[in-house]
Amino acid sequence: MGCQNVVGDAPLNANLNAQIAKYKSDLDPLRFYPIVSFGLAYNFPIR
C-alpha cells in the first residue's frame, strides 16, 4: 500500500463528506454555551 492521488476517488470523497457532516451535526448543540463568571474580593484593613 503506497501513496496515491485521492482527488478523483469518489467513494473516499463521499465518505469524507459524510463524516464531516456527522461531526458538524454532533457539535451543533455546542455552538452556543452560557458564559458564567463569579468573583470574590476581600479588602484587608490597612491604616
N, C-alpha and C. Protein backbone atom coordinates (compact mmCIF):
# COMPACT_ATOMS: atom_id res chain seq x y z
N MET A 1 0.85 -1.17 0.00
CA MET A 1 0.00 0.00 0.00
C MET A 1 0.89 1.23 0.00
N GLY A 2 0.80 2.03 -1.02
CA GLY A 2 1.64 3.20 -1.15
C GLY A 2 0.82 4.46 -1.26
N CYS A 3 1.48 5.52 -1.57
CA CYS A 3 0.81 6.82 -1.75
C CYS A 3 0.07 6.82 -3.08
N GLN A 4 -1.09 7.46 -3.08
CA GLN A 4 -1.86 7.56 -4.31
C GLN A 4 -2.64 8.87 -4.31
N ASN A 5 -3.04 9.30 -5.47
CA ASN A 5 -3.83 10.50 -5.63
C ASN A 5 -5.29 10.17 -5.31
N VAL A 6 -5.88 10.88 -4.35
CA VAL A 6 -7.25 10.59 -3.94
C VAL A 6 -8.23 11.66 -4.42
N VAL A 7 -7.78 12.57 -5.26
CA VAL A 7 -8.65 13.64 -5.74
C VAL A 7 -9.85 13.08 -6.50
N GLY A 8 -9.63 12.08 -7.32
CA GLY A 8 -10.71 11.53 -8.14
C GLY A 8 -11.40 10.33 -7.54
N ASP A 9 -11.09 10.00 -6.28
CA ASP A 9 -11.67 8.83 -5.63
C ASP A 9 -13.04 9.20 -5.06
N ALA A 10 -14.10 8.91 -5.81
CA ALA A 10 -15.46 9.32 -5.43
C ALA A 10 -15.92 8.68 -4.13
N PRO A 11 -15.74 7.37 -3.90
CA PRO A 11 -16.19 6.79 -2.62
C PRO A 11 -15.47 7.40 -1.41
N LEU A 12 -14.19 7.66 -1.54
CA LEU A 12 -13.45 8.28 -0.45
C LEU A 12 -13.98 9.67 -0.15
N ASN A 13 -14.20 10.47 -1.19
CA ASN A 13 -14.72 11.82 -1.00
C ASN A 13 -16.13 11.80 -0.41
N ALA A 14 -16.95 10.84 -0.82
CA ALA A 14 -18.30 10.74 -0.27
C ALA A 14 -18.25 10.38 1.21
N ASN A 15 -17.37 9.43 1.56
CA ASN A 15 -17.24 9.05 2.96
C ASN A 15 -16.69 10.20 3.80
N LEU A 16 -15.74 10.92 3.25
CA LEU A 16 -15.17 12.06 3.96
C LEU A 16 -16.21 13.15 4.19
N ASN A 17 -17.00 13.45 3.18
CA ASN A 17 -18.05 14.46 3.32
C ASN A 17 -19.13 14.01 4.30
N ALA A 18 -19.44 12.72 4.31
CA ALA A 18 -20.42 12.20 5.26
C ALA A 18 -19.90 12.33 6.69
N GLN A 19 -18.62 12.04 6.89
CA GLN A 19 -18.03 12.15 8.23
C GLN A 19 -17.98 13.59 8.69
N ILE A 20 -17.66 14.51 7.80
CA ILE A 20 -17.65 15.94 8.15
C ILE A 20 -19.05 16.40 8.53
N ALA A 21 -20.06 15.96 7.79
CA ALA A 21 -21.44 16.32 8.11
C ALA A 21 -21.85 15.75 9.47
N LYS A 22 -21.41 14.54 9.78
CA LYS A 22 -21.73 13.92 11.07
C LYS A 22 -21.08 14.72 12.20
N TYR A 23 -19.82 15.10 12.04
CA TYR A 23 -19.14 15.89 13.07
C TYR A 23 -19.84 17.22 13.28
N LYS A 24 -20.26 17.86 12.20
CA LYS A 24 -20.95 19.14 12.32
C LYS A 24 -22.28 18.99 13.05
N SER A 25 -23.02 17.93 12.75
CA SER A 25 -24.31 17.73 13.43
C SER A 25 -24.11 17.34 14.89
N ASP A 26 -23.04 16.60 15.19
CA ASP A 26 -22.77 16.23 16.58
C ASP A 26 -22.37 17.44 17.41
N LEU A 27 -21.67 18.38 16.81
CA LEU A 27 -21.20 19.56 17.53
C LEU A 27 -22.17 20.72 17.48
N ASP A 28 -23.26 20.59 16.74
CA ASP A 28 -24.22 21.68 16.60
C ASP A 28 -24.79 22.15 17.94
N PRO A 29 -25.13 21.26 18.89
CA PRO A 29 -25.65 21.76 20.17
C PRO A 29 -24.63 22.56 20.97
N LEU A 30 -23.35 22.39 20.69
CA LEU A 30 -22.32 23.11 21.43
C LEU A 30 -21.98 24.47 20.83
N ARG A 31 -22.75 24.87 19.85
CA ARG A 31 -22.49 26.14 19.19
C ARG A 31 -22.69 27.31 20.15
N PHE A 32 -23.71 27.22 21.00
CA PHE A 32 -24.00 28.26 21.98
C PHE A 32 -23.82 27.68 23.37
N TYR A 33 -23.10 28.38 24.21
CA TYR A 33 -22.92 27.93 25.57
C TYR A 33 -22.94 29.16 26.48
N PRO A 34 -23.46 29.00 27.67
CA PRO A 34 -23.53 30.14 28.58
C PRO A 34 -22.16 30.47 29.15
N ILE A 35 -21.94 31.74 29.35
CA ILE A 35 -20.70 32.20 29.97
C ILE A 35 -21.06 32.66 31.38
N VAL A 36 -20.50 32.00 32.36
CA VAL A 36 -20.79 32.31 33.75
C VAL A 36 -19.50 32.81 34.39
N SER A 37 -19.61 33.89 35.11
CA SER A 37 -18.45 34.44 35.78
C SER A 37 -18.79 34.65 37.25
N PHE A 38 -17.83 34.37 38.11
CA PHE A 38 -18.03 34.53 39.54
C PHE A 38 -16.78 35.19 40.10
N GLY A 39 -16.97 36.19 40.94
CA GLY A 39 -15.83 36.88 41.53
C GLY A 39 -16.00 37.03 43.02
N LEU A 40 -14.90 37.07 43.73
CA LEU A 40 -14.90 37.23 45.16
C LEU A 40 -13.75 38.16 45.53
N ALA A 41 -14.02 39.14 46.36
CA ALA A 41 -12.99 40.11 46.72
C ALA A 41 -13.04 40.35 48.21
N TYR A 42 -11.87 40.60 48.78
CA TYR A 42 -11.76 40.93 50.20
C TYR A 42 -10.75 42.06 50.35
N ASN A 43 -11.06 43.00 51.21
CA ASN A 43 -10.19 44.14 51.42
C ASN A 43 -9.59 44.05 52.82
N PHE A 44 -8.25 43.95 52.92
CA PHE A 44 -7.59 43.93 54.20
C PHE A 44 -7.52 45.35 54.78
N PRO A 45 -7.96 45.50 56.01
CA PRO A 45 -7.93 46.87 56.61
C PRO A 45 -6.48 47.29 56.92
N ILE A 46 -5.98 48.25 56.18
CA ILE A 46 -4.64 48.79 56.40
C ILE A 46 -4.79 50.26 56.76
N ARG A 47 -4.06 50.72 57.78
CA ARG A 47 -4.17 52.11 58.24
C ARG A 47 -3.70 53.09 57.25
